[in-house]
């Protein structure tokens, strides 16, 4: 389950599909390299609003990241078709050669993760992701990399490894045998770069803002808390400077919230920040969050004993 229980049931009732199709629901969270031009953002988002059997749950854009994250759920083939159409709109209106932002990216439709929700195994989700990637390559002559569960090799599994070098280093990277795209041409699309597609389990995109103007501080903290730096096992983190907002941020993906929780990363960041005399100024959730992650965090900070989701009124009402 990748969103609140009451919300998932509400979504299911709204999807315009027969009973058979309703048994299979997939989530997709495409990331587009545009966070500033509202007209272009709305052109892309409009695709998700009007496609039948697809429900737009959320979208958010950030000027510093210059990036938009969309969250949709729906019948698997409808979601796939919707993604293919939305990527086409992005290619028509965005140009990666003119893109500047603090978030790593390789293309205008940077990464497209598929997540099983109901009636879908991770293997079936993998098949859907690969089918989508192949369609994008054929229709738009777009180079495609498969990552996470869909990765064709172990060194392609980690998103940060596939993104390393970003768009600016993509042409040179593609010349290496170990970084030949899984689908599509062996050179970047002239204006769209490349796209990373794959099936994965639910994750939480979560950011912590710090009261400091020193990037080196937030960078050191991010390196300390992430797994690759010896930190929390299921935490990926980078330090970012959000000039538009005038803040420093630790931006994270929690790839298994049942083993690395929201409250654990918050408290570890708080602990590491103390050595620099820095305090947390706020936190940010990007996209949707599983109900259990909220319950776990609420239980920790309120010291609730034996608290479960069944004690939430909305859950019982639905």
C-alpha atoms as a PDB file:
ATOM      1  CA  UNK A   1       0.000   0.000   0.000  1.00  0.00           C
ATOM      2  CA  UNK A   2       1.494   3.301  -1.024  1.00  0.00           C
ATOM      3  CA  UNK A   3      -0.937   5.906   0.273  1.00  0.00           C
ATOM      4  CA  UNK A   4      -3.433   6.391   3.051  1.00  0.00           C
ATOM      5  CA  UNK A   5      -5.879   3.499   3.387  1.00  0.00           C
ATOM      6  CA  UNK A   6      -8.947   5.728   3.252  1.00  0.00           C
ATOM      7  CA  UNK A   7      -7.489   7.541   0.249  1.00  0.00           C
ATOM      8  CA  UNK A   8      -6.749   4.349  -1.672  1.00  0.00           C
ATOM      9  CA  UNK A   9     -10.343   3.143  -1.249  1.00  0.00           C
ATOM     10  CA  UNK A  10     -11.669   6.527  -2.306  1.00  0.00           C
ATOM     11  CA  UNK A  11      -9.441   6.478  -5.383  1.00  0.00           C
ATOM     12  CA  UNK A  12     -10.593   2.966  -6.292  1.00  0.00           C
ATOM     13  CA  UNK A  13     -14.242   4.033  -6.285  1.00  0.00           C
ATOM     14  CA  UNK A  14     -13.505   6.942  -8.610  1.00  0.00           C
ATOM     15  CA  UNK A  15     -11.603   5.055 -11.283  1.00  0.00           C
ATOM     16  CA  UNK A  16     -13.898   4.563 -14.288  1.00  0.00           C
ATOM     17  CA  UNK A  17     -13.262   0.903 -14.947  1.00  0.00           C
ATOM     18  CA  UNK A  18     -15.087  -2.387 -14.743  1.00  0.00           C
ATOM     19  CA  UNK A  19     -14.720  -4.678 -11.746  1.00  0.00           C
ATOM     20  CA  UNK A  20     -12.082  -6.826 -13.412  1.00  0.00           C
ATOM     21  CA  UNK A  21      -9.799  -3.893 -14.178  1.00  0.00           C
ATOM     22  CA  UNK A  22     -10.320  -2.437 -10.726  1.00  0.00           C
ATOM     23  CA  UNK A  23      -8.546  -5.437  -9.266  1.00  0.00           C
ATOM     24  CA  UNK A  24      -5.245  -4.235 -10.754  1.00  0.00           C
ATOM     25  CA  UNK A  25      -3.890  -0.830  -9.756  1.00  0.00           C
ATOM     26  CA  UNK A  26      -0.409   0.557 -10.309  1.00  0.00           C
ATOM     27  CA  UNK A  27       1.152   3.814  -9.154  1.00  0.00           C
ATOM     28  CA  UNK A  28       3.492   5.885 -11.297  1.00  0.00           C
ATOM     29  CA  UNK A  29       5.538   8.895 -10.195  1.00  0.00           C
ATOM     30  CA  UNK A  30       7.083  10.540 -13.286  1.00  0.00           C
ATOM     31  CA  UNK A  31       9.620  13.336 -12.682  1.00  0.00           C
ATOM     32  CA  UNK A  32       9.818  16.099 -15.298  1.00  0.00           C
ATOM     33  CA  UNK A  33      12.609  18.652 -15.635  1.00  0.00           C
ATOM     34  CA  UNK A  34      10.437  21.754 -15.357  1.00  0.00           C
ATOM     35  CA  UNK A  35       9.486  23.536 -12.169  1.00  0.00           C
ATOM     36  CA  UNK A  36       9.190  27.181 -13.169  1.00  0.00           C
ATOM     37  CA  UNK A  37       7.027  27.657 -16.256  1.00  0.00           C
ATOM     38  CA  UNK A  38       3.435  27.126 -15.106  1.00  0.00           C
ATOM     39  CA  UNK A  39       2.062  27.008 -18.641  1.00  0.00           C
ATOM     40  CA  UNK A  40       4.355  24.120 -19.561  1.00  0.00           C
ATOM     41  CA  UNK A  41       3.670  22.387 -16.261  1.00  0.00           C
ATOM     42  CA  UNK A  42      -0.091  22.547 -16.838  1.00  0.00           C
ATOM     43  CA  UNK A  43       0.233  21.193 -20.367  1.00  0.00           C
ATOM     44  CA  UNK A  44       1.912  18.079 -18.983  1.00  0.00           C
ATOM     45  CA  UNK A  45      -0.391  17.704 -15.975  1.00  0.00           C
ATOM     46  CA  UNK A  46      -3.510  18.081 -18.160  1.00  0.00           C
ATOM     47  CA  UNK A  47      -2.722  14.720 -19.746  1.00  0.00           C
ATOM     48  CA  UNK A  48      -3.080  13.028 -16.360  1.00  0.00           C
ATOM     49  CA  UNK A  49      -6.318  14.879 -15.655  1.00  0.00           C
ATOM     50  CA  UNK A  50      -8.207  13.712 -18.714  1.00  0.00           C
ATOM     51  CA  UNK A  51      -7.137  10.114 -19.314  1.00  0.00           C
ATOM     52  CA  UNK A  52      -9.822   7.595 -18.348  1.00  0.00           C
ATOM     53  CA  UNK A  53      -8.980   4.946 -15.712  1.00  0.00           C
ATOM     54  CA  UNK A  54      -6.147   7.121 -14.357  1.00  0.00           C
ATOM     55  CA  UNK A  55      -6.398   9.226 -11.195  1.00  0.00           C
ATOM     56  CA  UNK A  56      -4.103  12.199 -10.612  1.00  0.00           C
ATOM     57  CA  UNK A  57      -3.252  12.155  -6.900  1.00  0.00           C
ATOM     58  CA  UNK A  58      -0.703  14.927  -6.622  1.00  0.00           C
ATOM     59  CA  UNK A  59       1.813  17.080  -8.444  1.00  0.00           C
ATOM     60  CA  UNK A  60       4.358  19.506  -7.082  1.00  0.00           C
ATOM     61  CA  UNK A  61       6.963  21.754  -8.647  1.00  0.00           C
ATOM     62  CA  UNK A  62       9.987  23.547  -7.241  1.00  0.00           C
ATOM     63  CA  UNK A  63      11.824  26.484  -8.804  1.00  0.00           C
ATOM     64  CA  UNK A  64      15.228  25.701  -7.286  1.00  0.00           C
ATOM     65  CA  UNK A  65      15.070  22.052  -8.305  1.00  0.00           C
ATOM     66  CA  UNK A  66      13.421  23.187 -11.573  1.00  0.00           C
ATOM     67  CA  UNK A  67      11.517  19.936 -11.423  1.00  0.00           C
ATOM     68  CA  UNK A  68       7.978  18.592 -11.206  1.00  0.00           C
ATOM     69  CA  UNK A  69       6.902  15.326  -9.569  1.00  0.00           C
ATOM     70  CA  UNK A  70       3.541  13.822 -10.547  1.00  0.00           C
ATOM     71  CA  UNK A  71       1.778  10.983  -8.725  1.00  0.00           C
ATOM     72  CA  UNK A  72      -0.922   8.964 -10.490  1.00  0.00           C
ATOM     73  CA  UNK A  73      -2.648   5.612  -9.950  1.00  0.00           C
ATOM     74  CA  UNK A  74      -4.834   3.563 -12.210  1.00  0.00           C
ATOM     75  CA  UNK A  75      -5.384   0.535 -14.390  1.00  0.00           C
ATOM     76  CA  UNK A  76      -1.926  -0.610 -15.599  1.00  0.00           C
ATOM     77  CA  UNK A  77      -2.305  -0.181 -19.371  1.00  0.00           C
ATOM     78  CA  UNK A  78      -4.148   3.118 -18.944  1.00  0.00           C
ATOM     79  CA  UNK A  79      -1.308   4.432 -16.774  1.00  0.00           C
ATOM     80  CA  UNK A  80       1.266   3.281 -19.311  1.00  0.00           C
ATOM     81  CA  UNK A  81      -0.578   4.975 -22.203  1.00  0.00           C
ATOM     82  CA  UNK A  82      -0.959   8.118 -20.118  1.00  0.00           C
ATOM     83  CA  UNK A  83       2.771   8.210 -19.374  1.00  0.00           C
ATOM     84  CA  UNK A  84       3.668   7.772 -23.046  1.00  0.00           C
ATOM     85  CA  UNK A  85       1.406  10.678 -24.002  1.00  0.00           C
ATOM     86  CA  UNK A  86       2.668  12.928 -21.172  1.00  0.00           C
ATOM     87  CA  UNK A  87       6.297  12.299 -22.130  1.00  0.00           C
ATOM     88  CA  UNK A  88       5.407  13.327 -25.679  1.00  0.00           C
ATOM     89  CA  UNK A  89       4.008  16.617 -24.378  1.00  0.00           C
ATOM     90  CA  UNK A  90       7.172  17.148 -22.332  1.00  0.00           C
ATOM     91  CA  UNK A  91       9.355  16.515 -25.382  1.00  0.00           C
ATOM     92  CA  UNK A  92       7.282  18.989 -27.412  1.00  0.00           C
ATOM     93  CA  UNK A  93       7.577  21.799 -24.837  1.00  0.00           C
ATOM     94  CA  UNK A  94      10.804  21.268 -22.864  1.00  0.00           C
ATOM     95  CA  UNK A  95      14.453  21.422 -23.898  1.00  0.00           C
ATOM     96  CA  UNK A  96      17.011  19.791 -21.625  1.00  0.00           C
ATOM     97  CA  UNK A  97      19.781  21.844 -23.235  1.00  0.00           C
ATOM     98  CA  UNK A  98      18.239  24.967 -21.675  1.00  0.00           C
ATOM     99  CA  UNK A  99      17.447  23.391 -18.321  1.00  0.00           C
ATOM    100  CA  UNK A 100      19.186  24.599 -15.164  1.00  0.00           C
ATOM    101  CA  UNK A 101      18.354  23.421 -11.647  1.00  0.00           C
ATOM    102  CA  UNK A 102      19.996  21.930  -8.591  1.00  0.00           C
ATOM    103  CA  UNK A 103      18.446  18.474  -8.940  1.00  0.00           C
ATOM    104  CA  UNK A 104      20.395  15.844 -10.935  1.00  0.00           C
ATOM    105  CA  UNK A 105      18.738  14.903 -14.276  1.00  0.00           C
ATOM    106  CA  UNK A 106      19.451  13.230 -17.607  1.00  0.00           C
ATOM    107  CA  UNK A 107      16.401  14.314 -19.574  1.00  0.00           C
ATOM    108  CA  UNK A 108      13.131  16.248 -19.717  1.00  0.00           C
ATOM    109  CA  UNK A 109      11.259  13.146 -18.503  1.00  0.00           C
ATOM    110  CA  UNK A 110      14.030  12.249 -16.114  1.00  0.00           C
ATOM    111  CA  UNK A 111      12.797   9.195 -14.212  1.00  0.00           C
ATOM    112  CA  UNK A 112       9.565   7.183 -14.389  1.00  0.00           C
ATOM    113  CA  UNK A 113       9.097   4.691 -11.535  1.00  0.00           C
ATOM    114  CA  UNK A 114       6.213   2.211 -11.478  1.00  0.00           C
ATOM    115  CA  UNK A 115       5.023   0.863  -8.108  1.00  0.00           C
ATOM    116  CA  UNK A 116       2.587  -2.036  -7.521  1.00  0.00           C
ATOM    117  CA  UNK A 117      -0.482  -1.087  -5.476  1.00  0.00           C
ATOM    118  CA  UNK A 118      -3.211  -3.717  -5.775  1.00  0.00           C
ATOM    119  CA  UNK A 119      -3.427  -6.990  -7.673  1.00  0.00           C
ATOM    120  CA  UNK A 120       0.057  -6.414  -9.122  1.00  0.00           C
ATOM    121  CA  UNK A 121       3.263  -8.265  -8.318  1.00  0.00           C
ATOM    122  CA  UNK A 122       6.633  -6.576  -8.655  1.00  0.00           C
ATOM    123  CA  UNK A 123       7.332  -8.858 -11.638  1.00  0.00           C
ATOM    124  CA  UNK A 124       4.164  -7.730 -13.380  1.00  0.00           C
ATOM    125  CA  UNK A 125       5.065  -4.134 -12.609  1.00  0.00           C
ATOM    126  CA  UNK A 126       8.503  -4.767 -14.087  1.00  0.00           C
ATOM    127  CA  UNK A 127       6.903  -6.021 -17.316  1.00  0.00           C
ATOM    128  CA  UNK A 128       4.743  -2.889 -17.474  1.00  0.00           C
ATOM    129  CA  UNK A 129       7.736  -0.593 -16.886  1.00  0.00           C
ATOM    130  CA  UNK A 130       9.766  -2.287 -19.615  1.00  0.00           C
ATOM    131  CA  UNK A 131       6.830  -2.148 -22.008  1.00  0.00           C
ATOM    132  CA  UNK A 132       6.493   1.567 -21.313  1.00  0.00           C
ATOM    133  CA  UNK A 133      10.215   2.128 -21.834  1.00  0.00           C
ATOM    134  CA  UNK A 134      10.144   0.296 -25.138  1.00  0.00           C
ATOM    135  CA  UNK A 135       7.140   2.330 -26.315  1.00  0.00           C
ATOM    136  CA  UNK A 136       8.913   5.583 -25.411  1.00  0.00           C
ATOM    137  CA  UNK A 137      12.014   4.505 -27.314  1.00  0.00           C
ATOM    138  CA  UNK A 138      10.066   3.529 -30.434  1.00  0.00           C
ATOM    139  CA  UNK A 139       7.644   6.460 -30.503  1.00  0.00           C
ATOM    140  CA  UNK A 140      10.075   9.266 -29.645  1.00  0.00           C
ATOM    141  CA  UNK A 141      13.480   7.784 -30.552  1.00  0.00           C
ATOM    142  CA  UNK A 142      14.362   8.280 -26.906  1.00  0.00           C
ATOM    143  CA  UNK A 143      17.208   6.403 -25.171  1.00  0.00           C
ATOM    144  CA  UNK A 144      15.911   4.443 -22.176  1.00  0.00           C
ATOM    145  CA  UNK A 145      17.717   3.067 -19.135  1.00  0.00           C
ATOM    146  CA  UNK A 146      16.033   0.530 -16.857  1.00  0.00           C
ATOM    147  CA  UNK A 147      16.798   0.818 -13.137  1.00  0.00           C
ATOM    148  CA  UNK A 148      15.903  -0.665  -9.723  1.00  0.00           C
ATOM    149  CA  UNK A 149      14.007  -3.956 -10.114  1.00  0.00           C
ATOM    150  CA  UNK A 150      14.027  -3.541 -13.915  1.00  0.00           C
ATOM    151  CA  UNK A 151      17.797  -3.037 -14.186  1.00  0.00           C
ATOM    152  CA  UNK A 152      19.555  -5.122 -16.846  1.00  0.00           C
ATOM    153  CA  UNK A 153      22.772  -5.200 -14.791  1.00  0.00           C
ATOM    154  CA  UNK A 154      23.660  -4.677 -11.140  1.00  0.00           C
ATOM    155  CA  UNK A 155      25.585  -1.444 -11.802  1.00  0.00           C
ATOM    156  CA  UNK A 156      22.403   0.069 -13.306  1.00  0.00           C
ATOM    157  CA  UNK A 157      20.173  -0.685 -10.320  1.00  0.00           C
ATOM    158  CA  UNK A 158      20.931   2.503  -8.343  1.00  0.00           C
ATOM    159  CA  UNK A 159      19.301   5.630  -9.776  1.00  0.00           C
ATOM    160  CA  UNK A 160      22.203   7.875  -8.772  1.00  0.00           C
ATOM    161  CA  UNK A 161      24.630   5.649 -10.703  1.00  0.00           C
ATOM    162  CA  UNK A 162      22.531   5.882 -13.868  1.00  0.00           C
ATOM    163  CA  UNK A 163      22.234   9.664 -13.432  1.00  0.00           C
ATOM    164  CA  UNK A 164      25.932  10.211 -12.711  1.00  0.00           C
ATOM    165  CA  UNK A 165      27.354  12.757 -15.143  1.00  0.00           C
ATOM    166  CA  UNK A 166      23.824  14.076 -15.765  1.00  0.00           C
ATOM    167  CA  UNK A 167      22.721  15.278 -19.193  1.00  0.00           C
ATOM    168  CA  UNK A 168      25.974  17.130 -19.808  1.00  0.00           C
ATOM    169  CA  UNK A 169      27.984  13.898 -19.618  1.00  0.00           C
ATOM    170  CA  UNK A 170      25.389  11.681 -21.274  1.00  0.00           C
ATOM    171  CA  UNK A 171      26.810  11.564 -24.788  1.00  0.00           C
ATOM    172  CA  UNK A 172      30.239  10.483 -23.563  1.00  0.00           C
ATOM    173  CA  UNK A 173      28.730   8.003 -21.097  1.00  0.00           C
ATOM    174  CA  UNK A 174      26.671   6.313 -23.795  1.00  0.00           C
ATOM    175  CA  UNK A 175      29.816   5.482 -25.737  1.00  0.00           C
ATOM    176  CA  UNK A 176      30.925   3.154 -22.946  1.00  0.00           C
ATOM    177  CA  UNK A 177      29.790  -0.468 -23.495  1.00  0.00           C
ATOM    178  CA  UNK A 178      28.602  -0.728 -19.889  1.00  0.00           C
ATOM    179  CA  UNK A 179      26.354   2.319 -20.316  1.00  0.00           C
ATOM    180  CA  UNK A 180      24.693   1.585 -23.632  1.00  0.00           C
ATOM    181  CA  UNK A 181      20.941   2.342 -23.277  1.00  0.00           C
ATOM    182  CA  UNK A 182      18.592  -0.606 -22.771  1.00  0.00           C
ATOM    183  CA  UNK A 183      16.222   0.709 -25.444  1.00  0.00           C
ATOM    184  CA  UNK A 184      16.472   3.341 -28.154  1.00  0.00           C
ATOM    185  CA  UNK A 185      19.461   5.020 -29.803  1.00  0.00           C
ATOM    186  CA  UNK A 186      23.018   5.107 -28.460  1.00  0.00           C
ATOM    187  CA  UNK A 187      23.039   8.890 -28.341  1.00  0.00           C
ATOM    188  CA  UNK A 188      20.939  11.425 -26.432  1.00  0.00           C
ATOM    189  CA  UNK A 189      17.718  12.766 -27.896  1.00  0.00           C
ATOM    190  CA  UNK A 190      18.568  16.265 -29.235  1.00  0.00           C
ATOM    191  CA  UNK A 191      16.259  18.116 -26.830  1.00  0.00           C
ATOM    192  CA  UNK A 192      14.966  15.427 -24.435  1.00  0.00           C
ATOM    193  CA  UNK A 193      18.193  13.676 -23.352  1.00  0.00           C
ATOM    194  CA  UNK A 194      17.346  10.249 -21.946  1.00  0.00           C
ATOM    195  CA  UNK A 195      14.765   8.711 -19.620  1.00  0.00           C
ATOM    196  CA  UNK A 196      15.177   6.243 -16.745  1.00  0.00           C
ATOM    197  CA  UNK A 197      12.310   3.790 -16.247  1.00  0.00           C
ATOM    198  CA  UNK A 198      11.781   0.972 -13.775  1.00  0.00           C
ATOM    199  CA  UNK A 199       9.697  -0.935 -11.271  1.00  0.00           C
ATOM    200  CA  UNK A 200      10.377  -0.388  -7.590  1.00  0.00           C
ATOM    201  CA  UNK A 201       8.796  -0.777  -4.206  1.00  0.00           C
ATOM    202  CA  UNK A 202       7.235   2.238  -2.427  1.00  0.00           C
ATOM    203  CA  UNK A 203       9.606   4.928  -1.153  1.00  0.00           C
ATOM    204  CA  UNK A 204       9.207   8.224   0.650  1.00  0.00           C
ATOM    205  CA  UNK A 205      10.643  11.423  -0.815  1.00  0.00           C
ATOM    206  CA  UNK A 206      11.405  13.540   2.236  1.00  0.00           C
ATOM    207  CA  UNK A 207      13.453  16.712   2.744  1.00  0.00           C
ATOM    208  CA  UNK A 208      14.820  18.432   5.838  1.00  0.00           C
ATOM    209  CA  UNK A 209      15.692  22.146   5.771  1.00  0.00           C
ATOM    210  CA  UNK A 210      18.511  23.506   7.929  1.00  0.00           C
ATOM    211  CA  UNK A 211      19.146  26.961   9.401  1.00  0.00           C
ATOM    212  CA  UNK A 212      22.538  27.626   7.844  1.00  0.00           C
ATOM    213  CA  UNK A 213      23.941  29.475   4.852  1.00  0.00           C
ATOM    214  CA  UNK A 214      26.908  27.124   4.502  1.00  0.00           C
ATOM    215  CA  UNK A 215      26.499  24.488   1.810  1.00  0.00           C
ATOM    216  CA  UNK A 216      29.493  22.518   3.076  1.00  0.00           C
ATOM    217  CA  UNK A 217      27.599  21.875   6.322  1.00  0.00           C
ATOM    218  CA  UNK A 218      24.482  20.440   4.679  1.00  0.00           C
ATOM    219  CA  UNK A 219      26.657  18.479   2.257  1.00  0.00           C
ATOM    220  CA  UNK A 220      28.600  16.857   5.116  1.00  0.00           C
ATOM    221  CA  UNK A 221      25.386  15.991   6.968  1.00  0.00           C
ATOM    222  CA  UNK A 222      23.856  14.396   3.873  1.00  0.00           C
ATOM    223  CA  UNK A 223      26.971  12.286   3.357  1.00  0.00           C
ATOM    224  CA  UNK A 224      26.889  11.149   6.981  1.00  0.00           C
ATOM    225  CA  UNK A 225      23.274   9.988   7.057  1.00  0.00           C
ATOM    226  CA  UNK A 226      23.084   8.165   3.713  1.00  0.00           C
ATOM    227  CA  UNK A 227      23.805   4.470   3.499  1.00  0.00           C
ATOM    228  CA  UNK A 228      26.725   4.802   1.085  1.00  0.00           C
ATOM    229  CA  UNK A 229      28.439   7.086   3.616  1.00  0.00           C
ATOM    230  CA  UNK A 230      27.930   4.686   6.526  1.00  0.00           C
ATOM    231  CA  UNK A 231      24.571   6.048   7.620  1.00  0.00           C
ATOM    232  CA  UNK A 232      21.054   4.627   7.595  1.00  0.00           C
ATOM    233  CA  UNK A 233      20.595   1.518   5.449  1.00  0.00           C
ATOM    234  CA  UNK A 234      17.610   2.612   3.355  1.00  0.00           C
ATOM    235  CA  UNK A 235      18.409   6.302   3.056  1.00  0.00           C
ATOM    236  CA  UNK A 236      19.681   8.074  -0.056  1.00  0.00           C
ATOM    237  CA  UNK A 237      20.576  11.714   0.556  1.00  0.00           C
ATOM    238  CA  UNK A 238      22.174  14.738  -1.073  1.00  0.00           C
ATOM    239  CA  UNK A 239      22.787  18.259   0.178  1.00  0.00           C
ATOM    240  CA  UNK A 240      21.160  21.065  -1.815  1.00  0.00           C
ATOM    241  CA  UNK A 241      21.127  24.864  -1.766  1.00  0.00           C
ATOM    242  CA  UNK A 242      17.667  26.315  -2.498  1.00  0.00           C
ATOM    243  CA  UNK A 243      18.576  29.830  -3.583  1.00  0.00           C
ATOM    244  CA  UNK A 244      14.992  30.797  -4.418  1.00  0.00           C
ATOM    245  CA  UNK A 245      13.984  30.092  -0.807  1.00  0.00           C
ATOM    246  CA  UNK A 246      17.293  31.023   0.774  1.00  0.00           C
ATOM    247  CA  UNK A 247      17.689  27.709   2.603  1.00  0.00           C
ATOM    248  CA  UNK A 248      19.905  24.633   2.694  1.00  0.00           C
ATOM    249  CA  UNK A 249      18.302  21.214   2.407  1.00  0.00           C
ATOM    250  CA  UNK A 250      19.036  17.541   2.914  1.00  0.00           C
ATOM    251  CA  UNK A 251      16.994  15.879   0.166  1.00  0.00           C
ATOM    252  CA  UNK A 252      16.263  12.181   0.695  1.00  0.00           C
ATOM    253  CA  UNK A 253      14.635   9.058  -0.656  1.00  0.00           C
ATOM    254  CA  UNK A 254      13.737   6.488   1.988  1.00  0.00           C
ATOM    255  CA  UNK A 255      13.652   3.276  -0.032  1.00  0.00           C
ATOM    256  CA  UNK A 256      12.199   1.084   2.739  1.00  0.00           C
ATOM    257  CA  UNK A 257      10.312   3.114   5.343  1.00  0.00           C
ATOM    258  CA  UNK A 258       9.659  -0.013   7.446  1.00  0.00           C
ATOM    259  CA  UNK A 259      13.397  -0.308   8.139  1.00  0.00           C
ATOM    260  CA  UNK A 260      14.518   3.334   7.882  1.00  0.00           C
ATOM    261  CA  UNK A 261      11.745   5.567   9.193  1.00  0.00           C
ATOM    262  CA  UNK A 262      11.027   9.275   8.848  1.00  0.00           C
ATOM    263  CA  UNK A 263      11.699   9.927  12.532  1.00  0.00           C
ATOM    264  CA  UNK A 264      15.046   8.124  12.351  1.00  0.00           C
ATOM    265  CA  UNK A 265      16.381  10.363   9.569  1.00  0.00           C
ATOM    266  CA  UNK A 266      15.045  13.505  11.268  1.00  0.00           C
ATOM    267  CA  UNK A 267      16.714  12.631  14.551  1.00  0.00           C
ATOM    268  CA  UNK A 268      20.000  11.613  12.923  1.00  0.00           C
ATOM    269  CA  UNK A 269      20.102  14.885  10.983  1.00  0.00           C
ATOM    270  CA  UNK A 270      19.328  16.791  14.187  1.00  0.00           C
ATOM    271  CA  UNK A 271      22.168  14.922  15.937  1.00  0.00           C
ATOM    272  CA  UNK A 272      24.701  15.556  13.152  1.00  0.00           C
ATOM    273  CA  UNK A 273      23.663  19.217  12.819  1.00  0.00           C
ATOM    274  CA  UNK A 274      24.432  19.959  16.473  1.00  0.00           C
ATOM    275  CA  UNK A 275      28.174  19.690  15.909  1.00  0.00           C
ATOM    276  CA  UNK A 276      27.889  22.692  13.572  1.00  0.00           C
ATOM    277  CA  UNK A 277      25.499  24.627  15.811  1.00  0.00           C
ATOM    278  CA  UNK A 278      22.722  24.223  13.234  1.00  0.00           C
ATOM    279  CA  UNK A 279      19.008  23.636  13.829  1.00  0.00           C
ATOM    280  CA  UNK A 280      16.276  22.119  11.652  1.00  0.00           C
ATOM    281  CA  UNK A 281      13.961  24.803  10.277  1.00  0.00           C
ATOM    282  CA  UNK A 282      11.361  22.525   8.705  1.00  0.00           C
ATOM    283  CA  UNK A 283      10.607  19.351   6.801  1.00  0.00           C
ATOM    284  CA  UNK A 284       8.993  18.699   3.426  1.00  0.00           C
ATOM    285  CA  UNK A 285       7.155  15.674   2.069  1.00  0.00           C
ATOM    286  CA  UNK A 286       7.203  15.262  -1.724  1.00  0.00           C
ATOM    287  CA  UNK A 287       4.270  13.302  -3.136  1.00  0.00           C
ATOM    288  CA  UNK A 288       2.367  10.646  -1.205  1.00  0.00           C
ATOM    289  CA  UNK A 289       3.250   8.812   1.989  1.00  0.00           C
ATOM    290  CA  UNK A 290       2.163   5.390   3.299  1.00  0.00           C
ATOM    291  CA  UNK A 291      -0.199   5.538   6.254  1.00  0.00           C
ATOM    292  CA  UNK A 292       2.026   3.300   8.369  1.00  0.00           C
ATOM    293  CA  UNK A 293       4.923   5.758   8.009  1.00  0.00           C
ATOM    294  CA  UNK A 294       2.726   8.494   9.485  1.00  0.00           C
ATOM    295  CA  UNK A 295       1.556   6.205  12.279  1.00  0.00           C
ATOM    296  CA  UNK A 296       5.145   5.238  13.140  1.00  0.00           C
ATOM    297  CA  UNK A 297       6.287   8.869  13.230  1.00  0.00           C
ATOM    298  CA  UNK A 298       3.282   9.995  15.259  1.00  0.00           C
ATOM    299  CA  UNK A 299       3.804   7.164  17.729  1.00  0.00           C
ATOM    300  CA  UNK A 300       7.473   8.083  18.190  1.00  0.00           C
ATOM    301  CA  UNK A 301       7.057  11.811  18.761  1.00  0.00           C
ATOM    302  CA  UNK A 302       3.960  11.493  20.972  1.00  0.00           C
ATOM    303  CA  UNK A 303       5.292   8.435  22.810  1.00  0.00           C
ATOM    304  CA  UNK A 304       2.059   6.606  22.046  1.00  0.00           C
ATOM    305  CA  UNK A 305       2.009   3.017  23.241  1.00  0.00           C
ATOM    306  CA  UNK A 306       0.358   0.396  21.033  1.00  0.00           C
ATOM    307  CA  UNK A 307      -1.040   2.986  18.616  1.00  0.00           C
ATOM    308  CA  UNK A 308      -2.235   1.533  15.276  1.00  0.00           C
ATOM    309  CA  UNK A 309      -3.915   2.784  12.104  1.00  0.00           C
ATOM    310  CA  UNK A 310      -7.189   1.251  13.355  1.00  0.00           C
ATOM    311  CA  UNK A 311      -7.406   4.113  15.849  1.00  0.00           C
ATOM    312  CA  UNK A 312      -7.617   6.666  13.047  1.00  0.00           C
ATOM    313  CA  UNK A 313     -11.256   7.645  12.562  1.00  0.00           C
ATOM    314  CA  UNK A 314     -11.074   8.046   8.777  1.00  0.00           C
ATOM    315  CA  UNK A 315      -9.708   4.518   8.394  1.00  0.00           C
ATOM    316  CA  UNK A 316     -12.628   3.023  10.313  1.00  0.00           C
ATOM    317  CA  UNK A 317     -15.186   5.120   8.389  1.00  0.00           C
ATOM    318  CA  UNK A 318     -13.964   3.760   5.076  1.00  0.00           C
END
